[in-house]
Amino acid sequence: MLRPYSSRIASAGVVTLVCFLALLHCQTKPQKTVEDLEAEQKKQNLAEALNEADIGRNMAGRLLKLYGTVDNEALVRYVNEVGLYVAQYSDTPNRHYM
């Protein structure tokens, strides 16, 4: 037995409303733009560089405390030259090293 016409229309309206609300609820997040992705990458690179610098300062302090300094100017110059040579082939050749 068929329900009255008005009841079928009301049921169809409820189903339509439920489907509409479900679609609104399931909307996906907007896609990130290239600029957004580049900005996120820059932030991540900066955070990694800062973290690496902190680790380097920490290790330098520990090594100085453990071994002290060397009073051989020629050896210090040689070690610095080797370090700068290696650094120019690193992922960040423009980074300032002490």
C-alpha atoms as a PDB file:
ATOM      1  CA  MET A   1       0.000   0.000   0.000  1.00  0.00           C
ATOM      2  CA  LEU A   2       1.342   3.399  -0.985  1.00  0.00           C
ATOM      3  CA  ARG A   3       1.660   6.155   1.517  1.00  0.00           C
ATOM      4  CA  PRO A   4      -0.111   9.414   0.885  1.00  0.00           C
ATOM      5  CA  TYR A   5       1.540  11.737  -1.622  1.00  0.00           C
ATOM      6  CA  SER A   6       2.475  14.391   0.984  1.00  0.00           C
ATOM      7  CA  SER A   7       4.192  11.769   3.153  1.00  0.00           C
ATOM      8  CA  ARG A   8       6.332  10.594   0.202  1.00  0.00           C
ATOM      9  CA  ILE A   9       7.335  14.176  -0.579  1.00  0.00           C
ATOM     10  CA  ALA A  10       8.247  14.780   3.058  1.00  0.00           C
ATOM     11  CA  SER A  11      10.338  11.581   3.116  1.00  0.00           C
ATOM     12  CA  ALA A  12      12.107  12.605  -0.094  1.00  0.00           C
ATOM     13  CA  GLY A  13      12.803  16.020   1.434  1.00  0.00           C
ATOM     14  CA  VAL A  14      14.278  14.455   4.575  1.00  0.00           C
ATOM     15  CA  VAL A  15      16.469  12.136   2.506  1.00  0.00           C
ATOM     16  CA  THR A  16      17.630  15.071   0.378  1.00  0.00           C
ATOM     17  CA  LEU A  17      18.424  17.125   3.473  1.00  0.00           C
ATOM     18  CA  VAL A  18      20.363  14.265   5.079  1.00  0.00           C
ATOM     19  CA  CYS A  19      22.373  13.742   1.868  1.00  0.00           C
ATOM     20  CA  PHE A  20      23.110  17.470   1.609  1.00  0.00           C
ATOM     21  CA  LEU A  21      24.287  17.649   5.217  1.00  0.00           C
ATOM     22  CA  ALA A  22      26.423  14.549   4.729  1.00  0.00           C
ATOM     23  CA  LEU A  23      28.089  16.146   1.694  1.00  0.00           C
ATOM     24  CA  LEU A  24      28.775  19.329   3.627  1.00  0.00           C
ATOM     25  CA  HIS A  25      30.291  17.311   6.445  1.00  0.00           C
ATOM     26  CA  CYS A  26      32.516  15.301   4.078  1.00  0.00           C
ATOM     27  CA  GLN A  27      33.992  18.263   2.209  1.00  0.00           C
ATOM     28  CA  THR A  28      37.696  17.909   1.618  1.00  0.00           C
ATOM     29  CA  LYS A  29      40.198  20.501   2.687  1.00  0.00           C
ATOM     30  CA  PRO A  30      41.206  22.938  -0.030  1.00  0.00           C
ATOM     31  CA  GLN A  31      44.336  21.963  -1.923  1.00  0.00           C
ATOM     32  CA  LYS A  32      47.509  23.748  -0.904  1.00  0.00           C
ATOM     33  CA  THR A  33      48.971  26.107  -3.439  1.00  0.00           C
ATOM     34  CA  VAL A  34      52.559  25.962  -4.639  1.00  0.00           C
ATOM     35  CA  GLU A  35      53.255  29.085  -2.602  1.00  0.00           C
ATOM     36  CA  ASP A  36      51.886  27.399   0.541  1.00  0.00           C
ATOM     37  CA  LEU A  37      54.077  24.354  -0.034  1.00  0.00           C
ATOM     38  CA  GLU A  38      57.149  26.528  -0.675  1.00  0.00           C
ATOM     39  CA  ALA A  39      56.487  28.536   2.496  1.00  0.00           C
ATOM     40  CA  GLU A  40      56.147  25.333   4.536  1.00  0.00           C
ATOM     41  CA  GLN A  41      59.403  24.013   3.054  1.00  0.00           C
ATOM     42  CA  LYS A  42      61.206  27.263   3.925  1.00  0.00           C
ATOM     43  CA  LYS A  43      59.935  27.080   7.508  1.00  0.00           C
ATOM     44  CA  GLN A  44      61.043  23.470   7.784  1.00  0.00           C
ATOM     45  CA  ASN A  45      64.488  24.279   6.337  1.00  0.00           C
ATOM     46  CA  LEU A  46      64.906  27.178   8.761  1.00  0.00           C
ATOM     47  CA  ALA A  47      63.904  25.016  11.713  1.00  0.00           C
ATOM     48  CA  GLU A  48      66.372  22.314  10.650  1.00  0.00           C
ATOM     49  CA  ALA A  49      69.178  24.866  10.198  1.00  0.00           C
ATOM     50  CA  LEU A  50      68.521  26.359  13.641  1.00  0.00           C
ATOM     51  CA  ASN A  51      68.466  22.903  15.196  1.00  0.00           C
ATOM     52  CA  GLU A  52      71.703  21.972  13.444  1.00  0.00           C
ATOM     53  CA  ALA A  53      73.349  25.206  14.615  1.00  0.00           C
ATOM     54  CA  ASP A  54      72.278  24.491  18.206  1.00  0.00           C
ATOM     55  CA  ILE A  55      73.751  20.996  18.001  1.00  0.00           C
ATOM     56  CA  GLY A  56      76.993  22.425  16.573  1.00  0.00           C
ATOM     57  CA  ARG A  57      77.317  25.042  19.327  1.00  0.00           C
ATOM     58  CA  ASN A  58      76.607  22.424  21.967  1.00  0.00           C
ATOM     59  CA  MET A  59      79.203  20.030  20.561  1.00  0.00           C
ATOM     60  CA  ALA A  60      81.780  22.819  20.144  1.00  0.00           C
ATOM     61  CA  GLY A  61      81.370  23.743  23.794  1.00  0.00           C
ATOM     62  CA  ARG A  62      81.754  20.129  24.899  1.00  0.00           C
ATOM     63  CA  LEU A  63      84.834  19.589  22.739  1.00  0.00           C
ATOM     64  CA  LEU A  64      86.473  22.796  23.964  1.00  0.00           C
ATOM     65  CA  LYS A  65      85.800  21.816  27.542  1.00  0.00           C
ATOM     66  CA  LEU A  66      87.120  18.289  27.010  1.00  0.00           C
ATOM     67  CA  TYR A  67      90.165  19.018  24.826  1.00  0.00           C
ATOM     68  CA  GLY A  68      90.827  22.737  25.170  1.00  0.00           C
ATOM     69  CA  THR A  69      92.365  24.836  22.403  1.00  0.00           C
ATOM     70  CA  VAL A  70      95.500  24.380  20.309  1.00  0.00           C
ATOM     71  CA  ASP A  71      98.172  27.090  20.252  1.00  0.00           C
ATOM     72  CA  ASN A  72      99.510  26.047  16.843  1.00  0.00           C
ATOM     73  CA  GLU A  73      98.443  28.757  14.377  1.00  0.00           C
ATOM     74  CA  ALA A  74      99.485  26.753  11.298  1.00  0.00           C
ATOM     75  CA  LEU A  75      97.465  23.723  12.420  1.00  0.00           C
ATOM     76  CA  VAL A  76      94.403  25.868  13.166  1.00  0.00           C
ATOM     77  CA  ARG A  77      94.666  27.499   9.725  1.00  0.00           C
ATOM     78  CA  TYR A  78      95.001  24.077   8.045  1.00  0.00           C
ATOM     79  CA  VAL A  79      91.996  22.626   9.887  1.00  0.00           C
ATOM     80  CA  ASN A  80      89.915  25.689   8.973  1.00  0.00           C
ATOM     81  CA  GLU A  81      90.924  25.397   5.298  1.00  0.00           C
ATOM     82  CA  VAL A  82      89.942  21.716   5.218  1.00  0.00           C
ATOM     83  CA  GLY A  83      86.651  22.492   6.945  1.00  0.00           C
ATOM     84  CA  LEU A  84      85.790  25.280   4.510  1.00  0.00           C
ATOM     85  CA  TYR A  85      86.721  23.070   1.542  1.00  0.00           C
ATOM     86  CA  VAL A  86      84.416  20.296   2.755  1.00  0.00           C
ATOM     87  CA  ALA A  87      81.657  22.808   3.553  1.00  0.00           C
ATOM     88  CA  GLN A  88      81.606  24.205   0.004  1.00  0.00           C
ATOM     89  CA  TYR A  89      80.441  20.792  -1.236  1.00  0.00           C
ATOM     90  CA  SER A  90      77.740  20.419   1.408  1.00  0.00           C
ATOM     91  CA  ASP A  91      74.006  20.933   0.945  1.00  0.00           C
ATOM     92  CA  THR A  92      74.378  24.435   2.376  1.00  0.00           C
ATOM     93  CA  PRO A  93      77.634  25.879   0.965  1.00  0.00           C
ATOM     94  CA  ASN A  94      76.653  29.477   1.843  1.00  0.00           C
ATOM     95  CA  ARG A  95      76.231  28.790   5.536  1.00  0.00           C
ATOM     96  CA  HIS A  96      78.620  30.677   7.805  1.00  0.00           C
ATOM     97  CA  TYR A  97      80.916  28.435   9.805  1.00  0.00           C
ATOM     98  CA  MET A  98      83.056  29.652  12.667  1.00  0.00           C
END
